[in-house]
Protein backbone atom coordinates (compact mmCIF):
# COMPACT_ATOMS: atom_id res chain seq x y z
CA UNK A 1 72.24 -20.08 -36.27
CA UNK A 2 72.93 -16.38 -36.57
CA UNK A 3 71.97 -13.92 -33.88
CA UNK A 4 70.36 -10.96 -35.61
CA UNK A 5 71.68 -7.90 -33.81
CA UNK A 6 71.97 -9.65 -30.45
CA UNK A 7 71.78 -6.44 -28.48
CA UNK A 8 68.94 -4.90 -30.53
CA UNK A 9 66.47 -7.74 -30.90
CA UNK A 10 65.83 -11.45 -30.83
CA UNK A 11 67.75 -13.39 -28.22
CA UNK A 12 69.81 -10.27 -27.49
CA UNK A 13 66.77 -8.78 -25.77
CA UNK A 14 67.40 -11.19 -22.92
CA UNK A 15 69.89 -8.66 -21.51
CA UNK A 16 66.95 -6.49 -20.44
CA UNK A 17 66.15 -9.23 -17.92
CA UNK A 18 68.28 -9.10 -14.76
CA UNK A 19 70.80 -11.97 -14.74
CA UNK A 20 69.30 -13.28 -11.48
CA UNK A 21 65.89 -13.74 -13.18
CA UNK A 22 67.33 -15.29 -16.34
CA UNK A 23 67.40 -18.94 -15.13
CA UNK A 24 63.72 -18.81 -14.14
CA UNK A 25 62.80 -17.40 -17.57
CA UNK A 26 64.93 -19.95 -19.43
CA UNK A 27 63.51 -22.86 -17.45
CA UNK A 28 59.98 -21.67 -18.26
CA UNK A 29 60.88 -21.48 -21.96
CA UNK A 30 62.31 -25.00 -21.74
CA UNK A 31 59.11 -26.12 -20.00
CA UNK A 32 57.22 -24.78 -23.02
CA UNK A 33 59.50 -26.68 -25.40
CA UNK A 34 58.81 -29.81 -23.33
CA UNK A 35 55.05 -29.37 -23.60
CA UNK A 36 54.39 -27.72 -20.26
CA UNK A 37 53.46 -24.14 -19.36
CA UNK A 38 55.47 -21.44 -21.15
CA UNK A 39 56.41 -18.13 -19.57
CA UNK A 40 53.59 -15.59 -19.64
CA UNK A 41 53.79 -12.02 -20.88
CA UNK A 42 51.99 -10.85 -17.72
CA UNK A 43 55.02 -11.94 -15.68
CA UNK A 44 57.51 -10.06 -17.88
CA UNK A 45 55.48 -7.11 -19.21
CA UNK A 46 57.45 -4.70 -17.06
CA UNK A 47 60.69 -5.81 -18.75
CA UNK A 48 59.70 -6.18 -22.42
CA UNK A 49 56.95 -4.59 -24.51
CA UNK A 50 54.74 -6.99 -26.50
CA UNK A 51 56.86 -6.86 -29.67
CA UNK A 52 60.06 -7.48 -27.70
CA UNK A 53 58.34 -10.25 -25.73
CA UNK A 54 57.36 -12.10 -28.88
CA UNK A 55 60.87 -11.67 -30.28
CA UNK A 56 62.71 -12.82 -27.16
CA UNK A 57 60.34 -15.75 -26.56
CA UNK A 58 60.47 -16.95 -30.17
CA UNK A 59 64.22 -16.46 -30.48
CA UNK A 60 64.99 -18.14 -27.16
CA UNK A 61 62.73 -21.08 -27.99
CA UNK A 62 64.27 -21.48 -31.46
CA UNK A 63 67.79 -21.17 -30.05
CA UNK A 64 67.14 -23.87 -27.42
CA UNK A 65 65.58 -26.25 -29.94
CA UNK A 66 68.34 -25.69 -32.47
CA UNK A 67 71.21 -25.98 -29.97
CA UNK A 68 69.85 -29.23 -28.54
CA UNK A 69 68.74 -30.54 -31.92
CA UNK A 70 72.23 -29.99 -33.34
CA UNK A 71 73.72 -31.45 -30.14
CA UNK A 72 76.02 -28.47 -29.77
CA UNK A 73 78.60 -28.36 -27.01
CA UNK A 74 79.31 -25.49 -24.61
CA UNK A 75 82.00 -23.99 -26.85
CA UNK A 76 79.75 -23.93 -29.91
CA UNK A 77 76.93 -22.38 -27.90
CA UNK A 78 79.32 -19.77 -26.44
CA UNK A 79 80.41 -18.81 -29.95
CA UNK A 80 76.80 -18.32 -31.00
CA UNK A 81 76.13 -16.25 -27.89
CA UNK A 82 79.33 -14.24 -28.24
CA UNK A 83 77.44 -10.95 -28.58
CA UNK A 84 75.93 -11.42 -25.13
CA UNK A 85 77.50 -10.57 -21.81
CA UNK A 86 79.47 -13.60 -20.42
CA UNK A 87 77.13 -13.78 -17.40
CA UNK A 88 74.15 -14.38 -19.70
CA UNK A 89 76.14 -16.88 -21.76
CA UNK A 90 76.95 -18.89 -18.62
CA UNK A 91 73.34 -18.90 -17.45
CA UNK A 92 72.06 -20.06 -20.86
CA UNK A 93 74.71 -22.79 -21.12
CA UNK A 94 73.98 -24.05 -17.58
CA UNK A 95 70.25 -24.21 -18.24
CA UNK A 96 70.77 -26.03 -21.54
CA UNK A 97 73.25 -28.48 -20.02
CA UNK A 98 71.04 -29.25 -17.06
CA UNK A 99 67.93 -29.95 -19.12
CA UNK A 100 69.43 -31.16 -22.39
CA UNK A 101 68.22 -34.78 -22.01
CA UNK A 102 64.70 -33.61 -21.22
CA UNK A 103 64.65 -31.20 -24.19
CA UNK A 104 66.04 -33.84 -26.53
CA UNK A 105 63.42 -36.37 -25.37
CA UNK A 106 60.64 -33.82 -25.94
CA UNK A 107 61.89 -33.02 -29.45
CA UNK A 108 62.19 -36.71 -30.34
CA UNK A 109 58.74 -37.38 -28.86
CA UNK A 110 57.25 -34.64 -31.04
CA UNK A 111 58.90 -36.11 -34.14
CA UNK A 112 57.67 -39.61 -33.25
CA UNK A 113 54.16 -38.30 -32.68
CA UNK A 114 54.30 -36.62 -36.06
CA UNK A 115 55.34 -39.87 -37.72
CA UNK A 116 52.16 -41.72 -36.63
CA UNK A 117 49.97 -38.85 -37.82
CA UNK A 118 50.61 -36.90 -40.94
CA UNK A 119 49.08 -33.99 -42.76
CA UNK A 120 47.17 -35.00 -45.85
CA UNK A 121 45.77 -31.66 -47.00
CA UNK A 122 45.35 -28.10 -45.80
CA UNK A 123 43.41 -24.97 -46.63
CA UNK A 124 43.77 -21.48 -45.20
CA UNK A 125 41.84 -18.23 -45.13
CA UNK A 126 42.75 -14.79 -43.86
CA UNK A 127 40.07 -12.65 -42.25
CA UNK A 128 39.95 -9.48 -40.21
CA UNK A 129 38.46 -9.57 -36.71
CA UNK A 130 36.57 -6.47 -35.67
CA UNK A 131 35.51 -5.78 -32.12
CA UNK A 132 32.16 -4.15 -31.45
CA UNK A 133 32.96 -2.39 -28.17
CA UNK A 134 35.44 0.39 -27.37
CA UNK A 135 38.11 -1.35 -29.40
CA UNK A 136 36.12 -1.16 -32.61
CA UNK A 137 39.09 0.40 -34.36
CA UNK A 138 41.25 -2.63 -33.58
CA UNK A 139 41.96 -4.65 -36.66
CA UNK A 140 43.51 -8.02 -35.92
CA UNK A 141 44.30 -10.37 -38.81
CA UNK A 142 43.43 -14.01 -38.15
CA UNK A 143 44.28 -17.13 -40.11
CA UNK A 144 41.86 -20.03 -40.37
CA UNK A 145 43.81 -23.19 -41.00
CA UNK A 146 41.92 -26.35 -41.95
CA UNK A 147 43.99 -29.52 -41.71
CA UNK A 148 43.19 -33.08 -42.76
CA UNK A 149 45.18 -35.28 -40.40
CA UNK A 150 45.57 -38.98 -41.12
CA UNK A 151 45.72 -40.89 -37.87
CA UNK A 152 45.67 -44.69 -37.76
CA UNK A 153 44.37 -44.78 -41.32
CA UNK A 154 41.42 -42.43 -40.70
CA UNK A 155 41.20 -38.83 -41.86
CA UNK A 156 40.36 -36.36 -39.10
CA UNK A 157 39.59 -32.74 -40.05
CA UNK A 158 41.05 -30.12 -37.70
CA UNK A 159 40.23 -26.39 -37.87
CA UNK A 160 42.44 -23.85 -36.15
CA UNK A 161 42.01 -20.07 -35.92
CA UNK A 162 45.26 -18.25 -35.11
CA UNK A 163 46.38 -14.70 -34.63
CA UNK A 164 49.77 -13.47 -35.88
CA UNK A 165 51.63 -14.56 -32.72
CA UNK A 166 50.09 -18.04 -32.74
CA UNK A 167 50.85 -18.43 -36.45
CA UNK A 168 54.47 -17.41 -35.87
CA UNK A 169 54.72 -19.96 -33.03
CA UNK A 170 53.30 -22.66 -35.31
CA UNK A 171 55.77 -21.79 -38.06
CA UNK A 172 58.67 -21.82 -35.57
CA UNK A 173 57.56 -25.18 -34.21
CA UNK A 174 57.27 -26.66 -37.69
CA UNK A 175 60.70 -25.31 -38.66
CA UNK A 176 62.22 -26.78 -35.48
CA UNK A 177 60.49 -30.12 -36.10
CA UNK A 178 61.79 -30.12 -39.66
CA UNK A 179 65.35 -29.54 -38.42
CA UNK A 180 65.03 -32.44 -35.99
CA UNK A 181 63.61 -34.73 -38.69
CA UNK A 182 66.46 -33.80 -41.04
CA UNK A 183 69.00 -34.56 -38.31
CA UNK A 184 67.45 -37.96 -37.59
CA UNK A 185 67.78 -39.01 -41.25
């Protein structure tokens, strides 16, 4: 798990958050990993712009899932966070240590849930959403994802429309789930 320019982007953007607010943010990210409410951009918009927000949220979530999924110890985590200020390293390690069993249970639960249902087929389309009011110049790409899910022997079609951020979150979640599945083998 490489930290891409820790101070410039990704998880390194966490240093823009005052150390005192870091535990609250991390616990909200962990809540999101565990299937509860994630942190909201509205609460952190004065610290990060939208691009930075998506980067720090995605990177922090992926880091937490990967560190717990690999069952890394404090020393390994410190090495991976070496580009961050020691205060931030300590806060991240404490949050991970304190909630590691809960995170691990959530990751295992997601893998188990995936094992009783599986994807049989998928289809996707890309379209451009256009607004008709003042924002008519806004062009937002959307992905329509049609899934055929087999659950208890029956096929259930599921349609999902996602914007770029939601698609990135889905991809990150699938990558994290894949890592957990590979580790359980």
